[in-house]
């Protein structure tokens, strides 16, 4: 019997493979649900699963200032392949964050594997859920898939006294 051992990838190749697998997790789940249940039902199931995960993550940010929330993202996301930074300023008497995403591993991986851009099932969904759960108000300022050099979001705290 002949023992065959696979080629061991370099550390850089291993890192890229791991980052791609993390980046593709949600897009592939969405694609599988749509394939299994059809566009409408697959998307509904995906949205429900994503929202359940979002609510768990949200517990870490309950009653936190929006700057603390975005700071947590920029402290963690680079380990997952993001190039991300933020500006904090004051506009009309309130703190506003501008979150700059210069490199998105989800976008890079989905494009490499010829999948749809992940914006609608990740960023757009995060924006909607942030409003739904009153974490803050996200507004997209620029968008890489639309020709921008970065994705940039203007993020404001949820308005005090706003019950909707």
N, C-alpha and C. Protein backbone atom coordinates (compact mmCIF):
# COMPACT_ATOMS: atom_id res chain seq x y z
N UNK A 1 0.85 -1.17 0.00
CA UNK A 1 0.00 0.00 0.00
C UNK A 1 0.90 1.24 0.00
N UNK A 2 0.50 2.23 -0.78
CA UNK A 2 1.26 3.47 -0.86
C UNK A 2 0.52 4.55 -0.10
N UNK A 3 1.24 5.19 0.78
CA UNK A 3 0.67 6.30 1.56
C UNK A 3 0.84 7.59 0.77
N UNK A 4 -0.27 8.31 0.58
CA UNK A 4 -0.21 9.57 -0.14
C UNK A 4 -0.50 10.70 0.85
N UNK A 5 0.37 11.67 0.87
CA UNK A 5 0.20 12.83 1.75
C UNK A 5 -0.04 14.04 0.87
N UNK A 6 -1.06 14.81 1.22
CA UNK A 6 -1.39 16.01 0.46
C UNK A 6 -0.35 17.10 0.65
N UNK A 7 -0.33 18.00 -0.30
CA UNK A 7 0.59 19.12 -0.25
C UNK A 7 0.14 20.09 0.84
N UNK A 8 1.07 20.50 1.67
CA UNK A 8 0.73 21.42 2.75
C UNK A 8 0.85 22.86 2.25
N UNK A 9 -0.26 23.61 2.32
CA UNK A 9 -0.20 24.99 1.85
C UNK A 9 0.63 25.86 2.79
N UNK A 10 1.14 26.93 2.25
CA UNK A 10 1.89 27.88 3.07
C UNK A 10 0.96 28.52 4.10
N UNK A 11 1.54 29.18 5.10
CA UNK A 11 0.73 29.87 6.11
C UNK A 11 -0.16 30.93 5.47
N UNK A 12 0.37 31.64 4.50
CA UNK A 12 -0.43 32.66 3.80
C UNK A 12 -1.61 32.02 3.08
N UNK A 13 -1.37 30.90 2.42
CA UNK A 13 -2.46 30.20 1.72
C UNK A 13 -3.50 29.68 2.73
N UNK A 14 -3.03 29.16 3.86
CA UNK A 14 -3.94 28.67 4.89
C UNK A 14 -4.79 29.81 5.44
N UNK A 15 -4.15 30.94 5.69
CA UNK A 15 -4.87 32.11 6.20
C UNK A 15 -5.95 32.54 5.21
N UNK A 16 -5.60 32.60 3.94
CA UNK A 16 -6.56 33.00 2.89
C UNK A 16 -7.72 32.01 2.83
N UNK A 17 -7.43 30.73 2.91
CA UNK A 17 -8.48 29.71 2.88
C UNK A 17 -9.43 29.86 4.07
N UNK A 18 -8.88 30.11 5.25
CA UNK A 18 -9.71 30.28 6.44
C UNK A 18 -10.55 31.55 6.36
N UNK A 19 -9.94 32.65 5.92
CA UNK A 19 -10.69 33.90 5.77
C UNK A 19 -11.80 33.75 4.74
N UNK A 20 -11.51 33.08 3.63
CA UNK A 20 -12.55 32.85 2.61
C UNK A 20 -13.69 32.01 3.18
N UNK A 21 -13.37 30.99 3.96
CA UNK A 21 -14.44 30.13 4.50
C UNK A 21 -15.33 30.91 5.46
N UNK A 22 -14.74 31.81 6.25
CA UNK A 22 -15.54 32.66 7.14
C UNK A 22 -16.37 33.64 6.31
N UNK A 23 -15.75 34.25 5.32
CA UNK A 23 -16.43 35.25 4.50
C UNK A 23 -17.57 34.65 3.67
N UNK A 24 -17.45 33.39 3.30
CA UNK A 24 -18.46 32.76 2.46
C UNK A 24 -19.57 32.06 3.25
N UNK A 25 -19.42 31.96 4.55
CA UNK A 25 -20.37 31.22 5.37
C UNK A 25 -21.82 31.69 5.15
N UNK A 26 -22.07 32.96 5.32
CA UNK A 26 -23.44 33.47 5.19
C UNK A 26 -23.91 33.52 3.73
N UNK A 27 -23.08 33.98 2.79
CA UNK A 27 -23.54 33.94 1.39
C UNK A 27 -23.88 32.52 0.91
N UNK A 28 -23.09 31.54 1.32
CA UNK A 28 -23.38 30.17 0.90
C UNK A 28 -24.64 29.63 1.59
N UNK A 29 -24.84 30.02 2.85
CA UNK A 29 -26.07 29.62 3.54
C UNK A 29 -27.27 30.21 2.81
N UNK A 30 -27.20 31.49 2.47
CA UNK A 30 -28.29 32.13 1.74
C UNK A 30 -28.55 31.41 0.42
N UNK A 31 -27.49 31.14 -0.32
CA UNK A 31 -27.62 30.47 -1.61
C UNK A 31 -28.26 29.09 -1.44
N UNK A 32 -27.85 28.35 -0.43
CA UNK A 32 -28.41 27.02 -0.19
C UNK A 32 -29.88 27.08 0.19
N UNK A 33 -30.25 28.03 1.04
CA UNK A 33 -31.66 28.16 1.44
C UNK A 33 -32.54 28.53 0.25
N UNK A 34 -32.06 29.43 -0.60
CA UNK A 34 -32.81 29.82 -1.79
C UNK A 34 -32.94 28.62 -2.74
N UNK A 35 -31.87 27.86 -2.89
CA UNK A 35 -31.92 26.68 -3.77
C UNK A 35 -32.90 25.63 -3.22
N UNK A 36 -32.93 25.47 -1.91
CA UNK A 36 -33.78 24.45 -1.30
C UNK A 36 -35.25 24.87 -1.21
N UNK A 37 -35.50 26.15 -0.94
CA UNK A 37 -36.86 26.59 -0.62
C UNK A 37 -37.45 27.61 -1.60
N UNK A 38 -36.67 28.01 -2.59
CA UNK A 38 -37.13 29.05 -3.51
C UNK A 38 -36.71 30.42 -2.99
N UNK A 39 -36.77 31.41 -3.88
CA UNK A 39 -36.26 32.75 -3.56
C UNK A 39 -36.95 33.36 -2.33
N UNK A 40 -38.27 33.40 -2.34
CA UNK A 40 -38.99 34.10 -1.26
C UNK A 40 -38.85 33.38 0.09
N UNK A 41 -39.12 32.08 0.10
CA UNK A 41 -39.06 31.33 1.36
C UNK A 41 -37.62 31.18 1.84
N UNK A 42 -36.69 30.96 0.93
CA UNK A 42 -35.27 30.86 1.31
C UNK A 42 -34.78 32.15 1.94
N UNK A 43 -35.16 33.28 1.35
CA UNK A 43 -34.76 34.58 1.90
C UNK A 43 -35.40 34.81 3.27
N UNK A 44 -36.67 34.42 3.43
CA UNK A 44 -37.34 34.60 4.72
C UNK A 44 -36.64 33.79 5.81
N UNK A 45 -36.29 32.54 5.50
CA UNK A 45 -35.61 31.68 6.47
C UNK A 45 -34.23 32.28 6.80
N UNK A 46 -33.51 32.70 5.76
CA UNK A 46 -32.19 33.31 5.98
C UNK A 46 -32.32 34.54 6.87
N UNK A 47 -33.27 35.41 6.55
CA UNK A 47 -33.45 36.62 7.36
C UNK A 47 -33.76 36.28 8.81
N UNK A 48 -34.59 35.26 9.04
CA UNK A 48 -34.92 34.85 10.41
C UNK A 48 -33.68 34.34 11.14
N UNK A 49 -32.88 33.52 10.46
CA UNK A 49 -31.65 33.00 11.08
C UNK A 49 -30.67 34.13 11.37
N UNK A 50 -30.51 35.03 10.42
CA UNK A 50 -29.59 36.16 10.59
C UNK A 50 -30.05 37.03 11.76
N UNK A 51 -31.36 37.27 11.83
CA UNK A 51 -31.88 38.11 12.91
C UNK A 51 -31.68 37.45 14.27
N UNK A 52 -31.85 36.15 14.36
CA UNK A 52 -31.63 35.46 15.63
C UNK A 52 -30.18 35.62 16.08
N UNK A 53 -29.25 35.50 15.15
CA UNK A 53 -27.83 35.70 15.45
C UNK A 53 -27.56 37.15 15.83
N UNK A 54 -28.18 38.07 15.11
CA UNK A 54 -28.01 39.51 15.37
C UNK A 54 -28.46 39.84 16.80
N UNK A 55 -29.60 39.30 17.21
CA UNK A 55 -30.12 39.59 18.55
C UNK A 55 -29.16 39.09 19.63
N UNK A 56 -28.51 37.96 19.40
CA UNK A 56 -27.51 37.47 20.36
C UNK A 56 -26.32 38.42 20.44
N UNK A 57 -25.83 38.88 19.27
CA UNK A 57 -24.70 39.81 19.25
C UNK A 57 -25.09 41.14 19.89
N UNK A 58 -26.33 41.54 19.70
CA UNK A 58 -26.83 42.82 20.21
C UNK A 58 -26.74 42.91 21.73
N UNK A 59 -26.86 41.79 22.40
CA UNK A 59 -26.80 41.79 23.86
C UNK A 59 -25.49 42.38 24.39
N UNK A 60 -24.41 42.24 23.63
CA UNK A 60 -23.11 42.79 24.04
C UNK A 60 -23.10 44.31 23.97
N UNK A 61 -24.04 44.89 23.23
CA UNK A 61 -24.02 46.34 23.00
C UNK A 61 -25.20 47.07 23.62
N UNK A 62 -26.00 46.36 24.39
CA UNK A 62 -27.15 46.98 25.03
C UNK A 62 -26.69 48.17 25.86
N UNK A 63 -27.34 49.29 25.67
CA UNK A 63 -27.06 50.53 26.41
C UNK A 63 -25.64 51.08 26.20
N UNK A 64 -24.99 50.67 25.12
CA UNK A 64 -23.66 51.21 24.80
C UNK A 64 -23.79 52.39 23.86
N UNK A 65 -22.85 53.28 23.97
CA UNK A 65 -22.76 54.41 23.06
C UNK A 65 -22.40 53.88 21.67
N UNK A 66 -22.91 54.53 20.64
CA UNK A 66 -22.67 54.07 19.27
C UNK A 66 -21.17 54.04 18.94
N UNK A 67 -20.40 54.94 19.52
CA UNK A 67 -18.95 54.95 19.30
C UNK A 67 -18.33 53.66 19.86
N UNK A 68 -18.83 53.20 21.00
CA UNK A 68 -18.33 51.95 21.58
C UNK A 68 -18.66 50.76 20.69
N UNK A 69 -19.83 50.78 20.08
CA UNK A 69 -20.26 49.70 19.19
C UNK A 69 -19.34 49.63 17.97
N UNK A 70 -19.12 50.76 17.34
CA UNK A 70 -18.28 50.79 16.14
C UNK A 70 -16.82 50.52 16.51
N UNK A 71 -16.38 51.00 17.66
CA UNK A 71 -15.01 50.71 18.12
C UNK A 71 -14.79 49.21 18.27
N UNK A 72 -15.80 48.51 18.78
CA UNK A 72 -15.69 47.05 18.93
C UNK A 72 -15.53 46.39 17.57
N UNK A 73 -16.26 46.90 16.56
CA UNK A 73 -16.12 46.35 15.21
C UNK A 73 -14.71 46.57 14.66
N UNK A 74 -14.20 47.78 14.80
CA UNK A 74 -12.89 48.04 14.20
C UNK A 74 -11.76 47.37 14.97
N UNK A 75 -12.03 46.93 16.20
CA UNK A 75 -11.03 46.17 16.95
C UNK A 75 -11.01 44.69 16.55
N UNK A 76 -12.14 44.16 16.10
CA UNK A 76 -12.26 42.73 15.79
C UNK A 76 -12.16 42.44 14.30
N UNK A 77 -12.83 43.24 13.48
CA UNK A 77 -12.95 42.92 12.06
C UNK A 77 -11.63 42.76 11.30
N UNK A 78 -10.56 43.51 11.62
CA UNK A 78 -9.32 43.29 10.88
C UNK A 78 -8.79 41.85 10.98
N UNK A 79 -9.05 41.18 12.09
CA UNK A 79 -8.63 39.79 12.23
C UNK A 79 -9.36 38.89 11.24
N UNK A 80 -10.49 39.36 10.73
CA UNK A 80 -11.29 38.59 9.78
C UNK A 80 -11.08 39.05 8.34
N UNK A 81 -10.06 39.88 8.13
CA UNK A 81 -9.70 40.28 6.77
C UNK A 81 -10.17 41.66 6.36
N UNK A 82 -10.84 42.38 7.23
CA UNK A 82 -11.35 43.70 6.90
C UNK A 82 -10.25 44.75 6.99
N UNK A 83 -10.34 45.77 6.16
CA UNK A 83 -9.59 47.00 6.35
C UNK A 83 -10.65 48.02 6.70
N UNK A 84 -10.70 48.43 7.96
CA UNK A 84 -11.81 49.21 8.48
C UNK A 84 -11.29 50.26 9.46
N UNK A 85 -11.89 51.42 9.42
CA UNK A 85 -11.55 52.48 10.37
C UNK A 85 -12.74 53.40 10.52
N UNK A 86 -12.68 54.30 11.51
CA UNK A 86 -13.82 55.19 11.71
C UNK A 86 -13.37 56.60 12.04
N UNK A 87 -14.25 57.53 11.73
CA UNK A 87 -14.15 58.93 12.15
C UNK A 87 -15.31 59.17 13.10
N UNK A 88 -15.07 59.95 14.13
CA UNK A 88 -16.15 60.35 15.02
C UNK A 88 -16.20 61.86 15.00
N UNK A 89 -17.39 62.41 14.81
CA UNK A 89 -17.54 63.86 14.81
C UNK A 89 -18.88 64.21 15.44
N UNK A 90 -19.12 65.48 15.55
CA UNK A 90 -20.40 65.95 16.07
C UNK A 90 -21.12 66.69 14.97
N UNK A 91 -22.38 66.33 14.78
CA UNK A 91 -23.23 66.99 13.79
C UNK A 91 -24.57 67.30 14.45
N UNK A 92 -24.97 68.53 14.37
CA UNK A 92 -26.24 68.96 14.97
C UNK A 92 -26.35 68.55 16.44
N UNK A 93 -25.23 68.65 17.15
CA UNK A 93 -25.22 68.37 18.58
C UNK A 93 -25.22 66.91 18.97
N UNK A 94 -25.04 65.99 18.00
CA UNK A 94 -24.98 64.57 18.36
C UNK A 94 -23.73 63.93 17.77
N UNK A 95 -23.24 62.90 18.48
CA UNK A 95 -22.09 62.15 17.98
C UNK A 95 -22.50 61.34 16.76
N UNK A 96 -21.65 61.38 15.75
CA UNK A 96 -21.88 60.62 14.53
C UNK A 96 -20.59 59.90 14.18
N UNK A 97 -20.72 58.64 13.80
CA UNK A 97 -19.56 57.85 13.36
C UNK A 97 -19.64 57.68 11.85
N UNK A 98 -18.50 57.73 11.23
CA UNK A 98 -18.38 57.34 9.83
C UNK A 98 -17.51 56.10 9.82
N UNK A 99 -18.10 54.98 9.41
CA UNK A 99 -17.37 53.72 9.35
C UNK A 99 -16.91 53.52 7.91
N UNK A 100 -15.60 53.39 7.74
CA UNK A 100 -14.99 53.25 6.42
C UNK A 100 -14.51 51.81 6.24
N UNK A 101 -15.00 51.15 5.21
CA UNK A 101 -14.62 49.78 4.89
C UNK A 101 -13.87 49.81 3.56
N UNK A 102 -12.56 49.72 3.62
CA UNK A 102 -11.76 49.79 2.41
C UNK A 102 -11.55 48.42 1.77
N UNK A 103 -11.69 47.39 2.56
CA UNK A 103 -11.56 46.03 2.03
C UNK A 103 -12.56 45.14 2.75
N UNK A 104 -13.42 44.50 1.98
CA UNK A 104 -14.46 43.62 2.52
C UNK A 104 -14.16 42.19 2.10
N UNK A 105 -13.85 41.31 3.05
CA UNK A 105 -13.57 39.93 2.68
C UNK A 105 -14.78 39.21 2.09
N UNK A 106 -15.99 39.60 2.50
CA UNK A 106 -17.19 38.99 1.93
C UNK A 106 -17.29 39.30 0.44
N UNK A 107 -17.06 40.56 0.10
CA UNK A 107 -17.14 40.96 -1.31
C UNK A 107 -16.05 40.28 -2.13
N UNK A 108 -14.84 40.28 -1.61
CA UNK A 108 -13.73 39.65 -2.33
C UNK A 108 -13.99 38.16 -2.56
N UNK A 109 -14.44 37.47 -1.51
CA UNK A 109 -14.66 36.02 -1.62
C UNK A 109 -15.83 35.70 -2.55
N UNK A 110 -16.94 36.44 -2.43
CA UNK A 110 -18.07 36.14 -3.30
C UNK A 110 -17.72 36.40 -4.76
N UNK A 111 -16.96 37.43 -5.01
CA UNK A 111 -16.55 37.70 -6.40
C UNK A 111 -15.59 36.62 -6.90
N UNK A 112 -14.68 36.17 -6.05
CA UNK A 112 -13.72 35.13 -6.46
C UNK A 112 -14.44 33.83 -6.80
N UNK A 113 -15.54 33.56 -6.10
CA UNK A 113 -16.30 32.33 -6.34
C UNK A 113 -17.52 32.55 -7.24
N UNK A 114 -17.57 33.73 -7.86
CA UNK A 114 -18.63 34.07 -8.82
C UNK A 114 -20.03 33.95 -8.21
N UNK A 115 -20.16 34.45 -6.98
CA UNK A 115 -21.45 34.52 -6.30
C UNK A 115 -21.94 35.97 -6.33
N UNK A 116 -23.22 36.20 -6.08
CA UNK A 116 -23.71 37.57 -6.04
C UNK A 116 -23.01 38.38 -4.92
N UNK A 117 -22.90 39.69 -5.15
CA UNK A 117 -22.34 40.56 -4.10
C UNK A 117 -23.15 40.36 -2.82
N UNK A 118 -22.49 40.37 -1.67
CA UNK A 118 -23.15 40.03 -0.41
C UNK A 118 -23.84 41.19 0.30
N UNK A 119 -23.85 42.37 -0.29
CA UNK A 119 -24.33 43.58 0.40
C UNK A 119 -25.75 43.44 0.93
N UNK A 120 -26.66 42.93 0.11
CA UNK A 120 -28.08 42.85 0.50
C UNK A 120 -28.30 41.90 1.67
N UNK A 121 -27.51 40.83 1.74
CA UNK A 121 -27.75 39.83 2.78
C UNK A 121 -26.85 40.01 4.00
N UNK A 122 -25.97 41.01 3.97
CA UNK A 122 -25.12 41.28 5.13
C UNK A 122 -25.27 42.73 5.58
N UNK A 123 -24.67 43.65 4.88
CA UNK A 123 -24.67 45.06 5.31
C UNK A 123 -26.07 45.65 5.35
N UNK A 124 -26.83 45.46 4.27
CA UNK A 124 -28.17 46.04 4.24
C UNK A 124 -29.05 45.47 5.36
N UNK A 125 -28.89 44.18 5.60
CA UNK A 125 -29.65 43.54 6.67
C UNK A 125 -29.21 44.07 8.04
N UNK A 126 -27.91 44.24 8.24
CA UNK A 126 -27.42 44.84 9.49
C UNK A 126 -28.02 46.23 9.70
N UNK A 127 -28.07 47.03 8.64
CA UNK A 127 -28.64 48.39 8.73
C UNK A 127 -30.10 48.33 9.16
N UNK A 128 -30.87 47.46 8.53
CA UNK A 128 -32.30 47.34 8.88
C UNK A 128 -32.48 46.85 10.31
N UNK A 129 -31.70 45.86 10.72
CA UNK A 129 -31.85 45.32 12.07
C UNK A 129 -31.38 46.31 13.13
N UNK A 130 -30.38 47.10 12.81
CA UNK A 130 -29.92 48.13 13.75
C UNK A 130 -31.01 49.14 14.02
N UNK A 131 -31.79 49.48 13.01
CA UNK A 131 -32.93 50.37 13.20
C UNK A 131 -34.05 49.65 13.94
N UNK A 132 -34.34 48.43 13.54
CA UNK A 132 -35.42 47.67 14.17
C UNK A 132 -35.20 47.54 15.67
N UNK A 133 -33.96 47.29 16.07
CA UNK A 133 -33.65 47.10 17.49
C UNK A 133 -33.07 48.35 18.15
N UNK A 134 -33.19 49.47 17.45
CA UNK A 134 -32.86 50.79 17.99
C UNK A 134 -31.42 50.92 18.47
N UNK A 135 -30.53 50.25 17.77
CA UNK A 135 -29.11 50.39 18.08
C UNK A 135 -28.58 51.69 17.52
N UNK A 136 -29.00 52.01 16.31
CA UNK A 136 -28.56 53.23 15.66
C UNK A 136 -29.16 53.32 14.28
N UNK A 137 -28.83 54.41 13.61
CA UNK A 137 -29.34 54.64 12.25
C UNK A 137 -28.14 54.63 11.30
N UNK A 138 -28.10 53.63 10.42
CA UNK A 138 -27.02 53.48 9.45
C UNK A 138 -27.48 54.05 8.11
N UNK A 139 -26.62 54.85 7.52
CA UNK A 139 -26.90 55.39 6.18
C UNK A 139 -25.67 55.14 5.32
N UNK A 140 -25.85 54.46 4.20
CA UNK A 140 -24.73 54.19 3.31
C UNK A 140 -24.39 55.48 2.56
N UNK A 141 -23.12 55.86 2.62
CA UNK A 141 -22.63 57.07 1.95
C UNK A 141 -21.93 56.70 0.64
N UNK A 142 -21.14 55.63 0.67
CA UNK A 142 -20.49 55.16 -0.54
C UNK A 142 -20.45 53.63 -0.52
N UNK A 143 -20.19 53.06 -1.71
CA UNK A 143 -20.38 51.62 -1.89
C UNK A 143 -19.40 51.12 -2.95
N UNK A 144 -18.56 50.18 -2.60
CA UNK A 144 -17.57 49.64 -3.54
C UNK A 144 -18.23 49.06 -4.79
N UNK A 145 -19.27 48.19 -4.65
CA UNK A 145 -19.88 47.63 -5.87
C UNK A 145 -20.51 48.67 -6.80
N UNK A 146 -20.79 49.85 -6.26
CA UNK A 146 -21.36 50.92 -7.10
C UNK A 146 -20.29 51.86 -7.64
N UNK A 147 -19.02 51.47 -7.47
CA UNK A 147 -17.93 52.27 -8.01
C UNK A 147 -17.15 53.09 -6.99
N UNK A 148 -17.54 53.03 -5.72
CA UNK A 148 -16.82 53.78 -4.69
C UNK A 148 -15.48 53.12 -4.37
N UNK A 149 -14.58 53.90 -3.81
CA UNK A 149 -13.28 53.36 -3.40
C UNK A 149 -13.38 52.63 -2.07
N UNK A 150 -14.51 52.82 -1.38
CA UNK A 150 -14.77 52.18 -0.10
C UNK A 150 -16.27 52.14 0.11
N UNK A 151 -16.67 51.32 1.07
CA UNK A 151 -18.02 51.41 1.58
C UNK A 151 -17.93 52.29 2.82
N UNK A 152 -18.80 53.26 2.90
CA UNK A 152 -18.79 54.16 4.06
C UNK A 152 -20.21 54.29 4.57
N UNK A 153 -20.35 54.17 5.88
CA UNK A 153 -21.65 54.30 6.52
C UNK A 153 -21.60 55.44 7.53
N UNK A 154 -22.61 56.28 7.47
CA UNK A 154 -22.80 57.31 8.49
C UNK A 154 -23.71 56.67 9.54
N UNK A 155 -23.24 56.65 10.79
CA UNK A 155 -23.97 55.94 11.83
C UNK A 155 -24.27 56.92 12.96
N UNK A 156 -25.55 57.08 13.21
CA UNK A 156 -26.00 57.98 14.26
C UNK A 156 -26.66 57.17 15.37
N UNK A 157 -26.59 57.68 16.59
CA UNK A 157 -27.31 56.99 17.68
C UNK A 157 -28.81 56.97 17.39
N UNK A 158 -29.48 55.99 17.96
CA UNK A 158 -30.93 55.96 17.83
C UNK A 158 -31.48 57.20 18.53
N UNK A 159 -32.36 57.94 17.87
CA UNK A 159 -32.87 59.19 18.46
C UNK A 159 -33.59 58.94 19.79
N UNK A 160 -33.22 59.71 20.79
CA UNK A 160 -33.88 59.60 22.09
C UNK A 160 -35.35 60.00 21.94
N UNK A 161 -36.20 59.22 22.56
CA UNK A 161 -37.62 59.51 22.52
C UNK A 161 -38.32 59.01 21.27
N UNK A 162 -37.57 58.40 20.36
CA UNK A 162 -38.17 57.88 19.12
C UNK A 162 -38.62 56.45 19.39
N UNK A 163 -39.87 56.23 19.43
CA UNK A 163 -40.40 54.92 19.79
C UNK A 163 -40.65 53.99 18.63
N UNK A 164 -40.58 54.48 17.40
CA UNK A 164 -40.91 53.59 16.26
C UNK A 164 -39.77 52.71 15.88
